[in-house]
Amino acid sequence: MAPGQEPSMGHPTGTDPGGRAYAAMIAKARALLPQLRERAGRTEELRHLPPETERELHDAGLFRMLQPMRIGGSELDYVALVDCADLLGRADASVAWNLANLASHHWMLGMFEPKAQDLVWSKDPDALIASSFIFPAGRATRVEGGYRLRGSWPFSSGVASCEWNMLASVVSSDDEADGIEYRIFLLPKADYKILDTWNVAGLRGTGSSDVEVKDAFVPDHMTVAVGDLAGGPTPGSKLNPNPLYTLPVFSLFPYVLSGVALGNAQACLDDYADVARHRISTYNRAKLSDFQSTQIKIAEASAKIDAARLIMRSVCIEAMEEARRGGFPDMATKTRQRRDGAFSVNLCTDAVSMLFAASGARGLFTTGVLQRQFRDAHAINSHLAFNFDAAGTNYGRVALGLPSENLTL
């Protein structure tokens, strides 16, 4: 794709004949770009999304793109997360990160017991739900009617704006024969404390602070076992029969956020090409656009970004198609999905790093966007889901006939 060109996103099929709702959602996301780009500096200063940005995302219905239609959501196909984050990431990666992250929790809530869905959405269908899926950070103990939960979780993006939080934990047992159980717990804001820890170099506007739970009781119906989210019917499937709510959550987890890296890299390429069209070299007054090195950098970066987009979208679309056929991914497929999620984001990071280096001293000025795009790219890539060593090792193990080491799959 040429710099500045809009991607050929197509549209998902399924419950939306002709993709009208999908096209409308993409149009709403695109309409927000000018003000989000203008507001990006303030978002960084605040270290969380400005109130007007949150309101615009709510008004556009973007937070509810994967929420069941019975609640008033759009119930779009999973690939909408990649496409909307791709678009918003061209204006501000922090906004795209929080949008995709928080929107995915409406999708996940659709897999919980109906009683949990009713408790959250009957009060406020727009209620935002944060998360931290770092299982070792918590300890849960089985008690009558539910669990006692405690722990301290990092990286709960957008938590200050949320009324609920999905916190992952290991369930402790006195019987070693029970094995390790991973479970997700849905808590109201009153049950956890937010710790203002988010002072970072990249994705500064995401407000990804820590949360602490001293000792909370979580009823059975407000929890879901990771094993129930591995692909196929879930506790919420009868209420929400769309195959969207049978997708394997943690093998597709990278694609919740991968579109952010894609949009950020596309913006970096577009900005670099725009400058190169008009800039004159400081040293010999030659046009940068006439330099073969400039032309090659644009070609290589655009190839990496286009390849990343193709990988991300293909995985999401194929997963939906398989779910519609009633199929369930095997472990080889799941580890491939994780591998491709990490690899595609690494491609985006490589593209941004190359363009930053090619920009010379110009990229160092804090008044420009390039330094933010560089910082955000590496902040995105630091997420464990995009660690190719981890994803690649597990893929290689399964390909060689060894068991997966990722207990969430």
Foldseek 3Di string as FASTA:
>chain_A
DAFPDDDPQDFADDPDVPRPLLVLLLVLLLVCQVVLLVCQVVLLVVLADDPVLVVSCVVSLLLQQCADVVLPGNNGFPCSLLSSLLNNLLRHLLSSQQSLQQSVVNLQQLQFAPVQVCVPSVVPVSATEWEAAPADQKEWEDDPQFIKIWGKGFFGWPVVRHQKYWYKYWYDDPDCVVPIWIKIAIGGPVQKDWDQDQDDQASSSRSRTMITGHIDTTGPRRMATLVQQQFAHGNNCVVPVQLSSRFRCVLQVLLSNLSSLLNLLSSLLNVLVVCQQDDADPPPRHRSVPDPVSVVLSVQLVVLSVVLSVLSSVLSSVRSVCSVVVHGDDPLSSLVSLLSSLSSLVSSLVSLVSSLVVVPPVQVDPVDCSVRSNSHSVVSCPPPSNPNVLSVVQSVCVVVPHDGPDPSD
